[in-house]
Amino acid sequence: MGLALDEPKDSDSTHDQDGVKFIIDNGLSQQCGAVKIDFVDAGARSGFAISSANPLGGGGCGSSCSTAGGSCGC
């Protein structure tokens, strides 16, 4: 799972976390379970970290979805 700007589709659900709205595909949401998005301030390695209750493997970048890391696949 990765971050991207997009418009919600019929197959998506919209969520709000600390005032930040995001959308996630319902099928992916069922696979991942609860999803948490954090911003990690680490200088040149700053970025968003995505984690989930049920981490998924695979994806083009392994288990990292940003420079800061993540665990829901890409």
PDB file of N, CA and C in Angstrom:
ATOM      1  N   MET A   1       0.862  -1.155   0.000  1.00  0.00           N
ATOM      2  CA  MET A   1       0.000   0.000   0.000  1.00  0.00           C
ATOM      3  C   MET A   1       0.901   1.207   0.000  1.00  0.00           C
ATOM      4  N   GLY A   2       0.594   2.166  -0.826  1.00  0.00           N
ATOM      5  CA  GLY A   2       1.376   3.390  -0.889  1.00  0.00           C
ATOM      6  C   GLY A   2       0.479   4.598  -0.756  1.00  0.00           C
ATOM      7  N   LEU A   3       1.085   5.751  -0.593  1.00  0.00           N
ATOM      8  CA  LEU A   3       0.346   6.992  -0.495  1.00  0.00           C
ATOM      9  C   LEU A   3       0.261   7.652  -1.859  1.00  0.00           C
ATOM     10  N   ALA A   4      -0.907   8.187  -2.181  1.00  0.00           N
ATOM     11  CA  ALA A   4      -1.094   8.910  -3.441  1.00  0.00           C
ATOM     12  C   ALA A   4      -2.303   9.830  -3.298  1.00  0.00           C
ATOM     13  N   LEU A   5      -2.338  10.891  -4.076  1.00  0.00           N
ATOM     14  CA  LEU A   5      -3.511  11.747  -4.120  1.00  0.00           C
ATOM     15  C   LEU A   5      -4.523  11.101  -5.052  1.00  0.00           C
ATOM     16  N   ASP A   6      -5.765  11.027  -4.609  1.00  0.00           N
ATOM     17  CA  ASP A   6      -6.789  10.361  -5.406  1.00  0.00           C
ATOM     18  C   ASP A   6      -8.158  10.856  -4.961  1.00  0.00           C
ATOM     19  N   GLU A   7      -9.135  10.598  -5.762  1.00  0.00           N
ATOM     20  CA  GLU A   7     -10.531  10.875  -5.430  1.00  0.00           C
ATOM     21  C   GLU A   7     -11.174   9.567  -4.978  1.00  0.00           C
ATOM     22  N   PRO A   8     -12.088   9.624  -3.993  1.00  0.00           N
ATOM     23  CA  PRO A   8     -12.741   8.390  -3.535  1.00  0.00           C
ATOM     24  C   PRO A   8     -13.558   7.738  -4.643  1.00  0.00           C
ATOM     25  N   LYS A   9     -13.547   6.423  -4.664  1.00  0.00           N
ATOM     26  CA  LYS A   9     -14.348   5.631  -5.589  1.00  0.00           C
ATOM     27  C   LYS A   9     -15.428   4.903  -4.792  1.00  0.00           C
ATOM     28  N   ASP A  10     -16.366   4.281  -5.473  1.00  0.00           N
ATOM     29  CA  ASP A  10     -17.426   3.539  -4.789  1.00  0.00           C
ATOM     30  C   ASP A  10     -16.866   2.396  -3.944  1.00  0.00           C
ATOM     31  N   SER A  11     -15.696   1.872  -4.321  1.00  0.00           N
ATOM     32  CA  SER A  11     -15.098   0.746  -3.601  1.00  0.00           C
ATOM     33  C   SER A  11     -14.163   1.198  -2.471  1.00  0.00           C
ATOM     34  N   ASP A  12     -14.172   2.500  -2.126  1.00  0.00           N
ATOM     35  CA  ASP A  12     -13.307   3.050  -1.086  1.00  0.00           C
ATOM     36  C   ASP A  12     -14.116   3.459   0.134  1.00  0.00           C
ATOM     37  N   SER A  13     -13.430   3.566   1.255  1.00  0.00           N
ATOM     38  CA  SER A  13     -14.014   4.183   2.431  1.00  0.00           C
ATOM     39  C   SER A  13     -13.108   5.342   2.847  1.00  0.00           C
ATOM     40  N   THR A  14     -13.714   6.379   3.424  1.00  0.00           N
ATOM     41  CA  THR A  14     -12.989   7.579   3.830  1.00  0.00           C
ATOM     42  C   THR A  14     -12.807   7.555   5.338  1.00  0.00           C
ATOM     43  N   HIS A  15     -11.604   7.931   5.788  1.00  0.00           N
ATOM     44  CA  HIS A  15     -11.280   7.938   7.217  1.00  0.00           C
ATOM     45  C   HIS A  15     -10.649   9.274   7.584  1.00  0.00           C
ATOM     46  N   ASP A  16     -10.677   9.596   8.867  1.00  0.00           N
ATOM     47  CA  ASP A  16     -10.041  10.805   9.376  1.00  0.00           C
ATOM     48  C   ASP A  16      -9.174  10.404  10.559  1.00  0.00           C
ATOM     49  N   GLN A  17      -7.908  10.795  10.511  1.00  0.00           N
ATOM     50  CA  GLN A  17      -6.997  10.515  11.624  1.00  0.00           C
ATOM     51  C   GLN A  17      -6.332  11.820  12.011  1.00  0.00           C
ATOM     52  N   ASP A  18      -6.642  12.323  13.181  1.00  0.00           N
ATOM     53  CA  ASP A  18      -6.060  13.567  13.689  1.00  0.00           C
ATOM     54  C   ASP A  18      -6.223  14.720  12.704  1.00  0.00           C
ATOM     55  N   GLY A  19      -7.391  14.825  12.065  1.00  0.00           N
ATOM     56  CA  GLY A  19      -7.674  15.904  11.147  1.00  0.00           C
ATOM     57  C   GLY A  19      -7.190  15.691   9.725  1.00  0.00           C
ATOM     58  N   VAL A  20      -6.532  14.572   9.452  1.00  0.00           N
ATOM     59  CA  VAL A  20      -6.065  14.251   8.102  1.00  0.00           C
ATOM     60  C   VAL A  20      -7.005  13.206   7.523  1.00  0.00           C
ATOM     61  N   LYS A  21      -7.630  13.532   6.400  1.00  0.00           N
ATOM     62  CA  LYS A  21      -8.553  12.608   5.757  1.00  0.00           C
ATOM     63  C   LYS A  21      -7.800  11.741   4.762  1.00  0.00           C
ATOM     64  N   PHE A  22      -8.136  10.451   4.735  1.00  0.00           N
ATOM     65  CA  PHE A  22      -7.553   9.543   3.758  1.00  0.00           C
ATOM     66  C   PHE A  22      -8.597   8.538   3.323  1.00  0.00           C
ATOM     67  N   ILE A  23      -8.360   7.969   2.140  1.00  0.00           N
ATOM     68  CA  ILE A  23      -9.257   6.948   1.606  1.00  0.00           C
ATOM     69  C   ILE A  23      -8.471   5.650   1.468  1.00  0.00           C
ATOM     70  N   ILE A  24      -9.194   4.547   1.583  1.00  0.00           N
ATOM     71  CA  ILE A  24      -8.563   3.237   1.423  1.00  0.00           C
ATOM     72  C   ILE A  24      -9.563   2.317   0.726  1.00  0.00           C
ATOM     73  N   ASP A  25      -9.065   1.515  -0.182  1.00  0.00           N
ATOM     74  CA  ASP A  25      -9.891   0.541  -0.875  1.00  0.00           C
ATOM     75  C   ASP A  25     -10.473  -0.433   0.148  1.00  0.00           C
ATOM     76  N   ASN A  26     -11.765  -0.705   0.067  1.00  0.00           N
ATOM     77  CA  ASN A  26     -12.422  -1.589   1.035  1.00  0.00           C
ATOM     78  C   ASN A  26     -11.797  -2.987   1.065  1.00  0.00           C
ATOM     79  N   GLY A  27     -11.432  -3.540  -0.084  1.00  0.00           N
ATOM     80  CA  GLY A  27     -10.808  -4.865  -0.118  1.00  0.00           C
ATOM     81  C   GLY A  27      -9.473  -4.875   0.596  1.00  0.00           C
ATOM     82  N   LEU A  28      -8.653  -3.849   0.359  1.00  0.00           N
ATOM     83  CA  LEU A  28      -7.358  -3.749   1.028  1.00  0.00           C
ATOM     84  C   LEU A  28      -7.548  -3.533   2.523  1.00  0.00           C
ATOM     85  N   SER A  29      -8.549  -2.749   2.877  1.00  0.00           N
ATOM     86  CA  SER A  29      -8.841  -2.500   4.284  1.00  0.00           C
ATOM     87  C   SER A  29      -9.180  -3.796   5.018  1.00  0.00           C
ATOM     88  N   GLN A  30      -9.937  -4.681   4.361  1.00  0.00           N
ATOM     89  CA  GLN A  30     -10.276  -5.967   4.979  1.00  0.00           C
ATOM     90  C   GLN A  30      -9.032  -6.822   5.177  1.00  0.00           C
ATOM     91  N   GLN A  31      -8.086  -6.769   4.234  1.00  0.00           N
ATOM     92  CA  GLN A  31      -6.858  -7.552   4.352  1.00  0.00           C
ATOM     93  C   GLN A  31      -5.935  -6.990   5.426  1.00  0.00           C
ATOM     94  N   CYS A  32      -5.790  -5.670   5.469  1.00  0.00           N
ATOM     95  CA  CYS A  32      -4.835  -5.026   6.379  1.00  0.00           C
ATOM     96  C   CYS A  32      -5.367  -4.846   7.790  1.00  0.00           C
ATOM     97  N   GLY A  33      -6.670  -4.738   7.949  1.00  0.00           N
ATOM     98  CA  GLY A  33      -7.221  -4.394   9.253  1.00  0.00           C
ATOM     99  C   GLY A  33      -7.013  -2.908   9.506  1.00  0.00           C
ATOM    100  N   ALA A  34      -6.914  -2.528  10.758  1.00  0.00           N
ATOM    101  CA  ALA A  34      -6.728  -1.116  11.112  1.00  0.00           C
ATOM    102  C   ALA A  34      -5.412  -0.601  10.535  1.00  0.00           C
ATOM    103  N   VAL A  35      -5.458   0.583   9.920  1.00  0.00           N
ATOM    104  CA  VAL A  35      -4.287   1.193   9.300  1.00  0.00           C
ATOM    105  C   VAL A  35      -3.943   2.464  10.059  1.00  0.00           C
ATOM    106  N   LYS A  36      -2.653   2.665  10.306  1.00  0.00           N
ATOM    107  CA  LYS A  36      -2.176   3.863  10.994  1.00  0.00           C
ATOM    108  C   LYS A  36      -1.155   4.556  10.101  1.00  0.00           C
ATOM    109  N   ILE A  37      -1.299   5.861   9.949  1.00  0.00           N
ATOM    110  CA  ILE A  37      -0.365   6.652   9.157  1.00  0.00           C
ATOM    111  C   ILE A  37       0.294   7.668  10.079  1.00  0.00           C
ATOM    112  N   ASP A  38       1.616   7.671  10.134  1.00  0.00           N
ATOM    113  CA  ASP A  38       2.388   8.601  10.945  1.00  0.00           C
ATOM    114  C   ASP A  38       3.355   9.365  10.063  1.00  0.00           C
ATOM    115  N   PHE A  39       3.715  10.571  10.490  1.00  0.00           N
ATOM    116  CA  PHE A  39       4.804  11.284   9.842  1.00  0.00           C
ATOM    117  C   PHE A  39       6.004  11.192  10.757  1.00  0.00           C
ATOM    118  N   VAL A  40       7.116  10.709  10.220  1.00  0.00           N
ATOM    119  CA  VAL A  40       8.344  10.558  10.993  1.00  0.00           C
ATOM    120  C   VAL A  40       9.295  11.671  10.575  1.00  0.00           C
ATOM    121  N   ASP A  41       9.669  12.516  11.518  1.00  0.00           N
ATOM    122  CA  ASP A  41      10.591  13.620  11.254  1.00  0.00           C
ATOM    123  C   ASP A  41      12.000  13.144  11.573  1.00  0.00           C
ATOM    124  N   ALA A  42      12.733  12.752  10.516  1.00  0.00           N
ATOM    125  CA  ALA A  42      14.081  12.202  10.692  1.00  0.00           C
ATOM    126  C   ALA A  42      15.057  12.831   9.698  1.00  0.00           C
ATOM    127  N   GLY A  43      15.009  14.157   9.588  1.00  0.00           N
ATOM    128  CA  GLY A  43      15.913  14.847   8.677  1.00  0.00           C
ATOM    129  C   GLY A  43      15.701  14.413   7.238  1.00  0.00           C
ATOM    130  N   ALA A  44      16.791  13.982   6.584  1.00  0.00           N
ATOM    131  CA  ALA A  44      16.720  13.567   5.183  1.00  0.00           C
ATOM    132  C   ALA A  44      15.872  12.316   4.991  1.00  0.00           C
ATOM    133  N   ARG A  45      15.616  11.562   6.053  1.00  0.00           N
ATOM    134  CA  ARG A  45      14.823  10.335   5.962  1.00  0.00           C
ATOM    135  C   ARG A  45      13.399  10.537   6.463  1.00  0.00           C
ATOM    136  N   SER A  46      12.937  11.796   6.523  1.00  0.00           N
ATOM    137  CA  SER A  46      11.572  12.091   6.962  1.00  0.00           C
ATOM    138  C   SER A  46      10.576  11.582   5.932  1.00  0.00           C
ATOM    139  N   GLY A  47       9.401  11.207   6.416  1.00  0.00           N
ATOM    140  CA  GLY A  47       8.353  10.748   5.511  1.00  0.00           C
ATOM    141  C   GLY A  47       7.221  10.113   6.277  1.00  0.00           C
ATOM    142  N   PHE A  48       6.265   9.592   5.528  1.00  0.00           N
ATOM    143  CA  PHE A  48       5.112   8.938   6.128  1.00  0.00           C
ATOM    144  C   PHE A  48       5.405   7.465   6.361  1.00  0.00           C
ATOM    145  N   ALA A  49       4.972   6.966   7.494  1.00  0.00           N
ATOM    146  CA  ALA A  49       5.090   5.546   7.829  1.00  0.00           C
ATOM    147  C   ALA A  49       3.680   4.975   7.910  1.00  0.00           C
ATOM    148  N   ILE A  50       3.456   3.884   7.202  1.00  0.00           N
ATOM    149  CA  ILE A  50       2.153   3.225   7.194  1.00  0.00           C
ATOM    150  C   ILE A  50       2.300   1.880   7.885  1.00  0.00           C
ATOM    151  N   SER A  51       1.443   1.616   8.852  1.00  0.00           N
ATOM    152  CA  SER A  51       1.459   0.311   9.505  1.00  0.00           C
ATOM    153  C   SER A  51       0.026  -0.192   9.577  1.00  0.00           C
ATOM    154  N   SER A  52      -0.124  -1.505   9.737  1.00  0.00           N
ATOM    155  CA  SER A  52      -1.457  -2.078   9.802  1.00  0.00           C
ATOM    156  C   SER A  52      -1.509  -3.199  10.824  1.00  0.00           C
ATOM    157  N   ALA A  53      -2.734  -3.541  11.219  1.00  0.00           N
ATOM    158  CA  ALA A  53      -2.940  -4.617  12.178  1.00  0.00           C
ATOM    159  C   ALA A  53      -2.491  -5.959  11.607  1.00  0.00           C
ATOM    160  N   ASN A  54      -2.663  -6.163  10.301  1.00  0.00           N
ATOM    161  CA  ASN A  54      -2.295  -7.399   9.620  1.00  0.00           C
ATOM    162  C   ASN A  54      -1.334  -7.067   8.477  1.00  0.00           C
ATOM    163  N   PRO A  55      -0.026  -6.930   8.755  1.00  0.00           N
ATOM    164  CA  PRO A  55       0.920  -6.546   7.706  1.00  0.00           C
ATOM    165  C   PRO A  55       0.890  -7.495   6.512  1.00  0.00           C
ATOM    166  N   LEU A  56       0.963  -6.917   5.308  1.00  0.00           N
ATOM    167  CA  LEU A  56       1.024  -7.688   4.080  1.00  0.00           C
ATOM    168  C   LEU A  56       2.445  -7.642   3.551  1.00  0.00           C
ATOM    169  N   GLY A  57       2.937  -8.735   3.029  1.00  0.00           N
ATOM    170  CA  GLY A  57       4.272  -8.759   2.442  1.00  0.00           C
ATOM    171  C   GLY A  57       4.208  -8.444   0.969  1.00  0.00           C
ATOM    172  N   GLY A  58       5.368  -8.371   0.359  1.00  0.00           N
ATOM    173  CA  GLY A  58       5.448  -8.177  -1.093  1.00  0.00           C
ATOM    174  C   GLY A  58       5.442  -6.725  -1.472  1.00  0.00           C
ATOM    175  N   GLY A  59       5.212  -6.488  -2.744  1.00  0.00           N
ATOM    176  CA  GLY A  59       5.234  -5.133  -3.262  1.00  0.00           C
ATOM    177  C   GLY A  59       6.596  -4.791  -3.804  1.00  0.00           C
ATOM    178  N   GLY A  60       6.658  -3.772  -4.600  1.00  0.00           N
ATOM    179  CA  GLY A  60       7.888  -3.386  -5.261  1.00  0.00           C
ATOM    180  C   GLY A  60       8.964  -2.897  -4.327  1.00  0.00           C
ATOM    181  N   CYS A  61       8.584  -2.435  -3.133  1.00  0.00           N
ATOM    182  CA  CYS A  61       9.602  -1.897  -2.232  1.00  0.00           C
ATOM    183  C   CYS A  61       9.689  -2.705  -0.947  1.00  0.00           C
ATOM    184  N   GLY A  62       9.280  -3.945  -0.964  1.00  0.00           N
ATOM    185  CA  GLY A  62       9.372  -4.778   0.233  1.00  0.00           C
ATOM    186  C   GLY A  62       8.390  -4.321   1.281  1.00  0.00           C
ATOM    187  N   SER A  63       8.861  -4.157   2.507  1.00  0.00           N
ATOM    188  CA  SER A  63       7.959  -3.770   3.583  1.00  0.00           C
ATOM    189  C   SER A  63       7.975  -2.277   3.832  1.00  0.00           C
ATOM    190  N   SER A  64       8.662  -1.507   3.027  1.00  0.00           N
ATOM    191  CA  SER A  64       8.753  -0.065   3.232  1.00  0.00           C
ATOM    192  C   SER A  64       7.937   0.671   2.183  1.00  0.00           C
ATOM    193  N   CYS A  65       7.053   1.549   2.633  1.00  0.00           N
ATOM    194  CA  CYS A  65       6.219   2.316   1.706  1.00  0.00           C
ATOM    195  C   CYS A  65       6.631   3.770   1.650  1.00  0.00           C
ATOM    196  N   SER A  66       7.675   4.134   2.320  1.00  0.00           N
ATOM    197  CA  SER A  66       8.195   5.503   2.261  1.00  0.00           C
ATOM    198  C   SER A  66       9.627   5.454   2.734  1.00  0.00           C
ATOM    199  N   THR A  67      10.248   6.600   2.747  1.00  0.00           N
ATOM    200  CA  THR A  67      11.623   6.633   3.242  1.00  0.00           C
ATOM    201  C   THR A  67      11.660   6.325   4.729  1.00  0.00           C
ATOM    202  N   ALA A  68      10.531   6.543   5.422  1.00  0.00           N
ATOM    203  CA  ALA A  68      10.499   6.285   6.855  1.00  0.00           C
ATOM    204  C   ALA A  68      10.069   4.874   7.184  1.00  0.00           C
ATOM    205  N   GLY A  69       9.525   4.145   6.228  1.00  0.00           N
ATOM    206  CA  GLY A  69       9.131   2.764   6.473  1.00  0.00           C
ATOM    207  C   GLY A  69       7.636   2.587   6.558  1.00  0.00           C
ATOM    208  N   GLY A  70       7.211   1.364   6.634  1.00  0.00           N
ATOM    209  CA  GLY A  70       5.808   1.006   6.713  1.00  0.00           C
ATOM    210  C   GLY A  70       5.715  -0.497   6.641  1.00  0.00           C
ATOM    211  N   SER A  71       4.530  -1.034   6.907  1.00  0.00           N
ATOM    212  CA  SER A  71       4.470  -2.492   6.955  1.00  0.00           C
ATOM    213  C   SER A  71       3.252  -3.077   6.271  1.00  0.00           C
ATOM    214  N   CYS A  72       2.587  -2.342   5.425  1.00  0.00           N
ATOM    215  CA  CYS A  72       1.382  -2.876   4.794  1.00  0.00           C
ATOM    216  C   CYS A  72       1.620  -3.229   3.339  1.00  0.00           C
ATOM    217  N   GLY A  73       2.864  -3.336   2.912  1.00  0.00           N
ATOM    218  CA  GLY A  73       3.142  -3.618   1.494  1.00  0.00           C
ATOM    219  C   GLY A  73       2.965  -2.362   0.689  1.00  0.00           C
ATOM    220  N   CYS A  74       3.182  -2.418  -0.604  1.00  0.00           N
ATOM    221  CA  CYS A  74       3.061  -1.227  -1.454  1.00  0.00           C
ATOM    222  C   CYS A  74       2.025  -1.433  -2.520  1.00  0.00           C
TER     223      CYS A  74
END
